[in-house]
């Protein structure tokens, strides 16, 4: 009986380890801008910002930033279940420089999460023309925090699309609990 119980515990642990984690909970609303700016708060000089049907990474739309001589921003307040919860942050950014001879004088793109800077791009550090994915594995700084994109592009636009912050769901402990309990009982009896 004891060998059967050990075998059961080993099988349960193996199943738990082999079970892939669930996709998780998406914390961002309208990360593909398919509903315009729904879910997002605009700030700064937004006179040259718009939802662009021609520059989408996926879907039909992207958000374009084109503040001239000032910055504009998009932010969203996100809610995590717990402080320190794992977060998978990703987004796609394109530096639209249709006329390279006009590069500069100022072109910046900064991303912050909970006030902490994740990314800072400039015309010198960005790849012009095509989308680039940026992704980060982080922990939630609090249960409520802002994800903010701030940009200035005096001669062209920055495009943003497919913004995602996923809080992975933990694997269920239902499979692990019997195995661990069995191992504890075996250790006490042995």
C-alpha atoms as a PDB file:
ATOM      1  CA  UNK A   1       0.000   0.000   0.000  1.00  0.00           C
ATOM      2  CA  UNK A   2       2.851   2.337   0.840  1.00  0.00           C
ATOM      3  CA  UNK A   3       4.450   1.863  -2.596  1.00  0.00           C
ATOM      4  CA  UNK A   4       1.125   2.576  -4.257  1.00  0.00           C
ATOM      5  CA  UNK A   5       0.785   5.784  -2.254  1.00  0.00           C
ATOM      6  CA  UNK A   6       4.329   6.900  -3.182  1.00  0.00           C
ATOM      7  CA  UNK A   7       3.600   6.119  -6.820  1.00  0.00           C
ATOM      8  CA  UNK A   8       0.388   8.146  -6.600  1.00  0.00           C
ATOM      9  CA  UNK A   9       2.282  11.071  -5.077  1.00  0.00           C
ATOM     10  CA  UNK A  10       4.928  10.952  -7.811  1.00  0.00           C
ATOM     11  CA  UNK A  11       2.302  10.820 -10.557  1.00  0.00           C
ATOM     12  CA  UNK A  12       0.401  13.756  -9.045  1.00  0.00           C
ATOM     13  CA  UNK A  13       3.574  15.869  -8.771  1.00  0.00           C
ATOM     14  CA  UNK A  14       4.482  15.020 -12.360  1.00  0.00           C
ATOM     15  CA  UNK A  15       1.014  15.989 -13.582  1.00  0.00           C
ATOM     16  CA  UNK A  16       1.182  19.266 -11.691  1.00  0.00           C
ATOM     17  CA  UNK A  17       4.587  20.148 -13.123  1.00  0.00           C
ATOM     18  CA  UNK A  18       3.554  19.118 -16.651  1.00  0.00           C
ATOM     19  CA  UNK A  19       0.263  21.047 -16.555  1.00  0.00           C
ATOM     20  CA  UNK A  20       0.727  24.320 -18.416  1.00  0.00           C
ATOM     21  CA  UNK A  21      -0.251  27.501 -16.630  1.00  0.00           C
ATOM     22  CA  UNK A  22      -3.494  29.057 -17.741  1.00  0.00           C
ATOM     23  CA  UNK A  23      -3.233  32.057 -20.017  1.00  0.00           C
ATOM     24  CA  UNK A  24      -4.090  34.446 -17.241  1.00  0.00           C
ATOM     25  CA  UNK A  25      -6.144  37.557 -16.829  1.00  0.00           C
ATOM     26  CA  UNK A  26      -5.720  40.479 -19.235  1.00  0.00           C
ATOM     27  CA  UNK A  27      -5.567  43.690 -17.209  1.00  0.00           C
ATOM     28  CA  UNK A  28      -5.532  46.143 -20.146  1.00  0.00           C
ATOM     29  CA  UNK A  29      -8.794  47.319 -21.687  1.00  0.00           C
ATOM     30  CA  UNK A  30      -8.721  47.859 -25.468  1.00  0.00           C
ATOM     31  CA  UNK A  31      -4.995  47.210 -25.905  1.00  0.00           C
ATOM     32  CA  UNK A  32      -5.408  47.054 -29.682  1.00  0.00           C
ATOM     33  CA  UNK A  33      -7.214  50.424 -29.907  1.00  0.00           C
ATOM     34  CA  UNK A  34     -10.027  48.776 -31.882  1.00  0.00           C
ATOM     35  CA  UNK A  35     -12.477  50.868 -29.824  1.00  0.00           C
ATOM     36  CA  UNK A  36     -10.557  54.126 -30.217  1.00  0.00           C
ATOM     37  CA  UNK A  37      -9.335  55.498 -26.903  1.00  0.00           C
ATOM     38  CA  UNK A  38     -11.927  53.584 -24.840  1.00  0.00           C
ATOM     39  CA  UNK A  39     -10.277  52.571 -21.548  1.00  0.00           C
ATOM     40  CA  UNK A  40      -7.384  55.006 -22.015  1.00  0.00           C
ATOM     41  CA  UNK A  41      -6.793  58.494 -20.633  1.00  0.00           C
ATOM     42  CA  UNK A  42      -5.089  60.993 -22.902  1.00  0.00           C
ATOM     43  CA  UNK A  43      -2.830  63.701 -21.498  1.00  0.00           C
ATOM     44  CA  UNK A  44      -0.547  66.492 -22.579  1.00  0.00           C
ATOM     45  CA  UNK A  45      -0.679  67.962 -26.078  1.00  0.00           C
ATOM     46  CA  UNK A  46      -2.912  65.538 -27.984  1.00  0.00           C
ATOM     47  CA  UNK A  47      -3.503  67.788 -30.989  1.00  0.00           C
ATOM     48  CA  UNK A  48      -1.418  65.468 -33.217  1.00  0.00           C
ATOM     49  CA  UNK A  49      -2.518  62.157 -31.664  1.00  0.00           C
ATOM     50  CA  UNK A  50      -5.033  59.936 -33.409  1.00  0.00           C
ATOM     51  CA  UNK A  51      -6.253  56.394 -33.927  1.00  0.00           C
ATOM     52  CA  UNK A  52      -4.603  55.248 -37.165  1.00  0.00           C
ATOM     53  CA  UNK A  53      -6.256  52.761 -39.537  1.00  0.00           C
ATOM     54  CA  UNK A  54      -3.135  52.594 -41.721  1.00  0.00           C
ATOM     55  CA  UNK A  55      -0.433  51.724 -39.155  1.00  0.00           C
ATOM     56  CA  UNK A  56      -1.921  48.842 -37.138  1.00  0.00           C
ATOM     57  CA  UNK A  57       0.405  46.052 -36.071  1.00  0.00           C
ATOM     58  CA  UNK A  58      -2.608  43.741 -35.878  1.00  0.00           C
ATOM     59  CA  UNK A  59      -6.323  44.319 -36.079  1.00  0.00           C
ATOM     60  CA  UNK A  60      -7.537  47.502 -37.731  1.00  0.00           C
ATOM     61  CA  UNK A  61      -6.106  50.335 -35.629  1.00  0.00           C
ATOM     62  CA  UNK A  62      -3.113  51.646 -33.701  1.00  0.00           C
ATOM     63  CA  UNK A  63      -2.576  54.728 -31.546  1.00  0.00           C
ATOM     64  CA  UNK A  64      -0.294  57.386 -33.043  1.00  0.00           C
ATOM     65  CA  UNK A  65       1.594  59.974 -30.991  1.00  0.00           C
ATOM     66  CA  UNK A  66       2.784  63.102 -32.784  1.00  0.00           C
ATOM     67  CA  UNK A  67       3.133  65.830 -30.173  1.00  0.00           C
ATOM     68  CA  UNK A  68       5.178  68.722 -31.525  1.00  0.00           C
ATOM     69  CA  UNK A  69       7.333  70.674 -29.066  1.00  0.00           C
ATOM     70  CA  UNK A  70       5.591  68.998 -26.140  1.00  0.00           C
ATOM     71  CA  UNK A  71       4.635  65.508 -24.988  1.00  0.00           C
ATOM     72  CA  UNK A  72       1.379  63.597 -25.138  1.00  0.00           C
ATOM     73  CA  UNK A  73       0.463  60.513 -23.181  1.00  0.00           C
ATOM     74  CA  UNK A  74      -1.878  57.573 -22.937  1.00  0.00           C
ATOM     75  CA  UNK A  75      -2.408  55.905 -19.591  1.00  0.00           C
ATOM     76  CA  UNK A  76      -4.597  53.289 -18.027  1.00  0.00           C
ATOM     77  CA  UNK A  77      -5.093  52.369 -14.386  1.00  0.00           C
ATOM     78  CA  UNK A  78      -4.686  48.617 -13.938  1.00  0.00           C
ATOM     79  CA  UNK A  79      -5.759  46.474 -11.018  1.00  0.00           C
ATOM     80  CA  UNK A  80      -3.872  43.426  -9.756  1.00  0.00           C
ATOM     81  CA  UNK A  81      -5.145  40.937  -7.216  1.00  0.00           C
ATOM     82  CA  UNK A  82      -2.057  41.173  -4.997  1.00  0.00           C
ATOM     83  CA  UNK A  83       1.018  43.352  -4.556  1.00  0.00           C
ATOM     84  CA  UNK A  84       3.959  41.457  -6.023  1.00  0.00           C
ATOM     85  CA  UNK A  85       1.757  39.472  -8.390  1.00  0.00           C
ATOM     86  CA  UNK A  86       3.573  38.374 -11.563  1.00  0.00           C
ATOM     87  CA  UNK A  87       2.831  40.453 -14.649  1.00  0.00           C
ATOM     88  CA  UNK A  88       3.679  39.802 -18.291  1.00  0.00           C
ATOM     89  CA  UNK A  89       3.822  43.207 -20.007  1.00  0.00           C
ATOM     90  CA  UNK A  90       4.103  43.526 -23.788  1.00  0.00           C
ATOM     91  CA  UNK A  91       3.424  46.088 -26.506  1.00  0.00           C
ATOM     92  CA  UNK A  92       4.480  46.908 -30.060  1.00  0.00           C
ATOM     93  CA  UNK A  93       6.023  50.273 -31.019  1.00  0.00           C
ATOM     94  CA  UNK A  94       6.895  51.684 -34.440  1.00  0.00           C
ATOM     95  CA  UNK A  95       8.982  54.775 -34.991  1.00  0.00           C
ATOM     96  CA  UNK A  96       7.456  56.342 -38.086  1.00  0.00           C
ATOM     97  CA  UNK A  97      10.123  58.343 -39.808  1.00  0.00           C
ATOM     98  CA  UNK A  98       8.887  58.891 -43.320  1.00  0.00           C
ATOM     99  CA  UNK A  99      11.543  61.514 -44.043  1.00  0.00           C
ATOM    100  CA  UNK A 100      14.860  60.470 -42.405  1.00  0.00           C
ATOM    101  CA  UNK A 101      16.453  63.785 -43.370  1.00  0.00           C
ATOM    102  CA  UNK A 102      13.995  65.427 -40.948  1.00  0.00           C
ATOM    103  CA  UNK A 103      15.028  63.291 -37.951  1.00  0.00           C
ATOM    104  CA  UNK A 104      15.124  65.144 -34.654  1.00  0.00           C
ATOM    105  CA  UNK A 105      15.343  67.546 -33.037  1.00  0.00           C
ATOM    106  CA  UNK A 106      13.263  65.712 -30.438  1.00  0.00           C
ATOM    107  CA  UNK A 107      11.754  62.273 -30.661  1.00  0.00           C
ATOM    108  CA  UNK A 108      11.154  60.336 -27.435  1.00  0.00           C
ATOM    109  CA  UNK A 109       8.955  57.463 -26.328  1.00  0.00           C
ATOM    110  CA  UNK A 110       8.858  56.543 -22.621  1.00  0.00           C
ATOM    111  CA  UNK A 111       6.904  53.767 -20.916  1.00  0.00           C
ATOM    112  CA  UNK A 112       6.272  53.613 -17.164  1.00  0.00           C
ATOM    113  CA  UNK A 113       4.441  51.115 -14.978  1.00  0.00           C
ATOM    114  CA  UNK A 114       3.510  52.253 -11.496  1.00  0.00           C
ATOM    115  CA  UNK A 115       5.878  55.214 -11.893  1.00  0.00           C
ATOM    116  CA  UNK A 116       8.861  52.979 -12.752  1.00  0.00           C
ATOM    117  CA  UNK A 117      10.388  53.472 -16.184  1.00  0.00           C
ATOM    118  CA  UNK A 118      10.312  50.346 -18.358  1.00  0.00           C
ATOM    119  CA  UNK A 119      11.550  51.762 -21.641  1.00  0.00           C
ATOM    120  CA  UNK A 120      12.978  54.963 -23.080  1.00  0.00           C
ATOM    121  CA  UNK A 121      13.442  55.309 -26.828  1.00  0.00           C
ATOM    122  CA  UNK A 122      14.703  58.171 -28.962  1.00  0.00           C
ATOM    123  CA  UNK A 123      15.329  58.700 -32.645  1.00  0.00           C
ATOM    124  CA  UNK A 124      18.865  57.433 -31.995  1.00  0.00           C
ATOM    125  CA  UNK A 125      17.771  54.192 -30.297  1.00  0.00           C
ATOM    126  CA  UNK A 126      14.612  53.279 -32.227  1.00  0.00           C
ATOM    127  CA  UNK A 127      14.372  51.286 -35.435  1.00  0.00           C
ATOM    128  CA  UNK A 128      12.556  53.430 -37.985  1.00  0.00           C
ATOM    129  CA  UNK A 129       9.650  52.059 -39.967  1.00  0.00           C
ATOM    130  CA  UNK A 130       8.708  48.683 -38.566  1.00  0.00           C
ATOM    131  CA  UNK A 131       7.090  47.558 -35.344  1.00  0.00           C
ATOM    132  CA  UNK A 132       9.252  46.177 -32.554  1.00  0.00           C
ATOM    133  CA  UNK A 133       7.845  44.162 -29.664  1.00  0.00           C
ATOM    134  CA  UNK A 134       8.904  44.992 -26.124  1.00  0.00           C
ATOM    135  CA  UNK A 135       8.087  42.612 -23.286  1.00  0.00           C
ATOM    136  CA  UNK A 136       8.840  42.547 -19.575  1.00  0.00           C
ATOM    137  CA  UNK A 137       8.216  40.097 -16.750  1.00  0.00           C
ATOM    138  CA  UNK A 138       7.493  42.222 -13.678  1.00  0.00           C
ATOM    139  CA  UNK A 139       5.679  42.205 -10.390  1.00  0.00           C
ATOM    140  CA  UNK A 140       2.709  44.389  -9.541  1.00  0.00           C
ATOM    141  CA  UNK A 141       3.970  47.418  -7.575  1.00  0.00           C
ATOM    142  CA  UNK A 142       0.573  47.729  -5.852  1.00  0.00           C
ATOM    143  CA  UNK A 143      -2.968  46.545  -6.401  1.00  0.00           C
ATOM    144  CA  UNK A 144      -3.736  49.654  -8.475  1.00  0.00           C
ATOM    145  CA  UNK A 145      -1.128  51.215 -10.770  1.00  0.00           C
ATOM    146  CA  UNK A 146      -0.831  53.154 -14.021  1.00  0.00           C
ATOM    147  CA  UNK A 147       0.631  52.007 -17.307  1.00  0.00           C
ATOM    148  CA  UNK A 148       1.676  55.171 -19.163  1.00  0.00           C
ATOM    149  CA  UNK A 149       3.069  55.816 -22.638  1.00  0.00           C
ATOM    150  CA  UNK A 150       4.519  59.316 -23.143  1.00  0.00           C
ATOM    151  CA  UNK A 151       5.839  60.524 -26.472  1.00  0.00           C
ATOM    152  CA  UNK A 152       7.058  63.447 -28.501  1.00  0.00           C
ATOM    153  CA  UNK A 153       7.913  63.305 -32.178  1.00  0.00           C
ATOM    154  CA  UNK A 154       8.525  66.726 -33.672  1.00  0.00           C
ATOM    155  CA  UNK A 155       8.712  65.506 -37.266  1.00  0.00           C
ATOM    156  CA  UNK A 156       6.616  62.363 -37.510  1.00  0.00           C
ATOM    157  CA  UNK A 157       4.800  59.824 -35.295  1.00  0.00           C
ATOM    158  CA  UNK A 158       5.265  56.965 -32.865  1.00  0.00           C
ATOM    159  CA  UNK A 159       2.722  54.150 -33.318  1.00  0.00           C
ATOM    160  CA  UNK A 160       1.601  51.889 -30.465  1.00  0.00           C
ATOM    161  CA  UNK A 161      -0.436  48.689 -30.735  1.00  0.00           C
ATOM    162  CA  UNK A 162      -1.225  45.384 -29.024  1.00  0.00           C
ATOM    163  CA  UNK A 163      -0.680  46.554 -25.445  1.00  0.00           C
ATOM    164  CA  UNK A 164      -1.066  43.686 -22.988  1.00  0.00           C
ATOM    165  CA  UNK A 165      -0.523  43.181 -19.256  1.00  0.00           C
ATOM    166  CA  UNK A 166      -1.364  39.657 -18.180  1.00  0.00           C
ATOM    167  CA  UNK A 167      -1.495  38.431 -14.612  1.00  0.00           C
ATOM    168  CA  UNK A 168      -0.855  34.683 -15.072  1.00  0.00           C
ATOM    169  CA  UNK A 169      -3.228  32.511 -13.143  1.00  0.00           C
ATOM    170  CA  UNK A 170      -1.395  30.228 -10.745  1.00  0.00           C
ATOM    171  CA  UNK A 171      -1.580  26.534 -11.471  1.00  0.00           C
ATOM    172  CA  UNK A 172      -4.204  24.835  -9.441  1.00  0.00           C
ATOM    173  CA  UNK A 173      -3.017  23.414  -6.146  1.00  0.00           C
ATOM    174  CA  UNK A 174      -5.714  20.749  -6.211  1.00  0.00           C
ATOM    175  CA  UNK A 175      -3.357  18.321  -7.955  1.00  0.00           C
ATOM    176  CA  UNK A 176      -0.367  19.218  -5.815  1.00  0.00           C
ATOM    177  CA  UNK A 177      -2.010  19.167  -2.389  1.00  0.00           C
ATOM    178  CA  UNK A 178      -2.714  15.386  -2.216  1.00  0.00           C
ATOM    179  CA  UNK A 179       0.793  14.602  -3.426  1.00  0.00           C
ATOM    180  CA  UNK A 180       2.428  16.848  -0.843  1.00  0.00           C
ATOM    181  CA  UNK A 181       0.163  15.548   1.915  1.00  0.00           C
ATOM    182  CA  UNK A 182       1.086  11.979   0.943  1.00  0.00           C
ATOM    183  CA  UNK A 183       4.784  12.760   1.039  1.00  0.00           C
ATOM    184  CA  UNK A 184       4.441  14.361   4.484  1.00  0.00           C
ATOM    185  CA  UNK A 185       2.571  11.312   5.817  1.00  0.00           C
ATOM    186  CA  UNK A 186       5.195   8.959   4.374  1.00  0.00           C
ATOM    187  CA  UNK A 187       7.975  10.955   5.993  1.00  0.00           C
ATOM    188  CA  UNK A 188       6.234  10.818   9.412  1.00  0.00           C
ATOM    189  CA  UNK A 189       5.670   7.054   9.195  1.00  0.00           C
ATOM    190  CA  UNK A 190       9.150   6.278   7.824  1.00  0.00           C
END
